[in-house]
C-alpha atoms as a PDB file:
ATOM      1  CA  MET A   1     123.981 -14.532-101.748  1.00  0.00           C
ATOM      2  CA  LYS A   2     127.218 -17.070-102.950  1.00  0.00           C
ATOM      3  CA  ASP A   3     127.382 -18.603-106.527  1.00  0.00           C
ATOM      4  CA  PHE A   4     125.918 -22.579-104.951  1.00  0.00           C
ATOM      5  CA  SER A   5     125.035 -23.442-109.173  1.00  0.00           C
ATOM      6  CA  ASN A   6     127.268 -26.317-109.032  1.00  0.00           C
ATOM      7  CA  ALA A   7     126.125 -27.571-105.935  1.00  0.00           C
ATOM      8  CA  SER A   8     122.956 -30.661-106.413  1.00  0.00           C
ATOM      9  CA  PHE A   9     121.254 -31.649-103.332  1.00  0.00           C
ATOM     10  CA  SER A  10     119.060 -35.027-102.899  1.00  0.00           C
ATOM     11  CA  PRO A  11     115.358 -33.907-102.350  1.00  0.00           C
ATOM     12  CA  ASP A  12     115.535 -35.295 -98.731  1.00  0.00           C
ATOM     13  CA  MET A  13     118.865 -33.541 -98.283  1.00  0.00           C
ATOM     14  CA  ILE A  14     117.707 -30.990 -99.481  1.00  0.00           C
ATOM     15  CA  SER A  15     114.066 -31.637 -96.716  1.00  0.00           C
ATOM     16  CA  VAL A  16     117.342 -31.786 -93.998  1.00  0.00           C
ATOM     17  CA  MET A  17     118.246 -27.885 -94.871  1.00  0.00           C
ATOM     18  CA  GLN A  18     115.086 -26.870 -95.013  1.00  0.00           C
ATOM     19  CA  GLN A  19     114.340 -28.303 -91.903  1.00  0.00           C
ATOM     20  CA  ALA A  20     118.085 -26.297 -90.714  1.00  0.00           C
ATOM     21  CA  LEU A  21     117.513 -23.132 -91.642  1.00  0.00           C
ATOM     22  CA  ASP A  22     113.727 -23.261 -90.246  1.00  0.00           C
ATOM     23  CA  GLY A  23     115.243 -24.624 -87.102  1.00  0.00           C
ATOM     24  CA  ALA A  24     117.737 -21.161 -86.672  1.00  0.00           C
ATOM     25  CA  VAL A  25     116.205 -18.285 -88.213  1.00  0.00           C
ATOM     26  CA  ALA A  26     112.871 -19.633 -85.362  1.00  0.00           C
ATOM     27  CA  THR A  27     115.671 -18.340 -82.604  1.00  0.00           C
ATOM     28  CA  LEU A  28     116.793 -14.998 -84.605  1.00  0.00           C
ATOM     29  CA  PRO A  29     114.930 -12.476 -82.198  1.00  0.00           C
ATOM     30  CA  GLN A  30     112.014 -10.384 -83.531  1.00  0.00           C
ATOM     31  CA  PRO A  31     112.703  -8.756 -85.777  1.00  0.00           C
ATOM     32  CA  VAL A  32     114.225 -11.041 -87.698  1.00  0.00           C
ATOM     33  CA  ASN A  33     116.722  -9.597 -90.052  1.00  0.00           C
ATOM     34  CA  SER A  34     116.333 -10.588 -93.949  1.00  0.00           C
ATOM     35  CA  SER A  35     120.673 -10.632 -94.116  1.00  0.00           C
ATOM     36  CA  HIS A  36     120.434 -12.789 -91.331  1.00  0.00           C
ATOM     37  CA  VAL A  37     118.624 -15.355 -93.065  1.00  0.00           C
ATOM     38  CA  GLN A  38     120.718 -14.722 -95.213  1.00  0.00           C
ATOM     39  CA  SER A  39     123.670 -15.664 -93.815  1.00  0.00           C
ATOM     40  CA  ILE A  40     122.254 -18.248 -92.279  1.00  0.00           C
ATOM     41  CA  ALA A  41     121.279 -20.033 -95.920  1.00  0.00           C
ATOM     42  CA  GLU A  42     125.060 -19.713 -97.328  1.00  0.00           C
ATOM     43  CA  SER A  43     126.325 -21.121 -94.040  1.00  0.00           C
ATOM     44  CA  ILE A  44     123.799 -23.888 -94.551  1.00  0.00           C
ATOM     45  CA  LEU A  45     124.326 -25.188 -98.432  1.00  0.00           C
ATOM     46  CA  ARG A  46     128.309 -24.337 -97.531  1.00  0.00           C
ATOM     47  CA  THR A  47     128.613 -25.984 -94.963  1.00  0.00           C
ATOM     48  CA  THR A  48     126.422 -29.801 -96.734  1.00  0.00           C
ATOM     49  CA  LYS A  49     127.738 -28.844-100.114  1.00  0.00           C
ATOM     50  CA  GLU A  50     131.230 -29.464 -97.949  1.00  0.00           C
ATOM     51  CA  GLY A  51     130.155 -32.641 -96.597  1.00  0.00           C
ATOM     52  CA  GLU A  52     127.854 -32.575 -92.943  1.00  0.00           C
ATOM     53  CA  ARG A  53     124.499 -34.346 -93.224  1.00  0.00           C
ATOM     54  CA  ASP A  54     123.311 -33.475 -89.667  1.00  0.00           C
ATOM     55  CA  LEU A  55     120.611 -31.697 -89.074  1.00  0.00           C
ATOM     56  CA  THR A  56     121.430 -30.248 -86.286  1.00  0.00           C
ATOM     57  CA  ALA A  57     124.839 -29.464 -86.668  1.00  0.00           C
ATOM     58  CA  LEU A  58     123.918 -27.622 -89.991  1.00  0.00           C
ATOM     59  CA  ARG A  59     121.353 -25.314 -87.756  1.00  0.00           C
ATOM     60  CA  THR A  60     124.342 -25.058 -84.945  1.00  0.00           C
ATOM     61  CA  ILE A  61     127.411 -24.635 -87.491  1.00  0.00           C
ATOM     62  CA  ALA A  62     125.057 -21.299 -89.228  1.00  0.00           C
ATOM     63  CA  LEU A  63     123.811 -20.088 -86.001  1.00  0.00           C
ATOM     64  CA  LEU A  64     127.487 -20.002 -84.637  1.00  0.00           C
ATOM     65  CA  GLU A  65     128.988 -18.536 -87.241  1.00  0.00           C
ATOM     66  CA  LEU A  66     125.789 -15.639 -87.470  1.00  0.00           C
ATOM     67  CA  GLN A  67     127.447 -14.918 -84.092  1.00  0.00           C
ATOM     68  CA  ILE A  68     131.461 -13.826 -85.464  1.00  0.00           C
ATOM     69  CA  VAL A  69     129.639 -12.602 -88.809  1.00  0.00           C
ATOM     70  CA  ASP A  70     127.528 -10.145 -86.186  1.00  0.00           C
ATOM     71  CA  ARG A  71     130.331  -9.433 -84.100  1.00  0.00           C
ATOM     72  CA  LYS A  72     132.760  -7.959 -86.423  1.00  0.00           C
END
């Protein structure tokens, strides 16, 4: 996992990030690959750290990045 030790988020933002993660993972086919969950989580952390606050945007960006990574 990438280093997010310097990141700081409010409790409300952590709740939004958790909802984005849960929503994104729920769209994945079963069985869910743990590396996909990790990629989604890293994307949400990074995107939130960069300033995005919208739940739908966080989920969508994470899933789009996962599609790009899976094609490599």
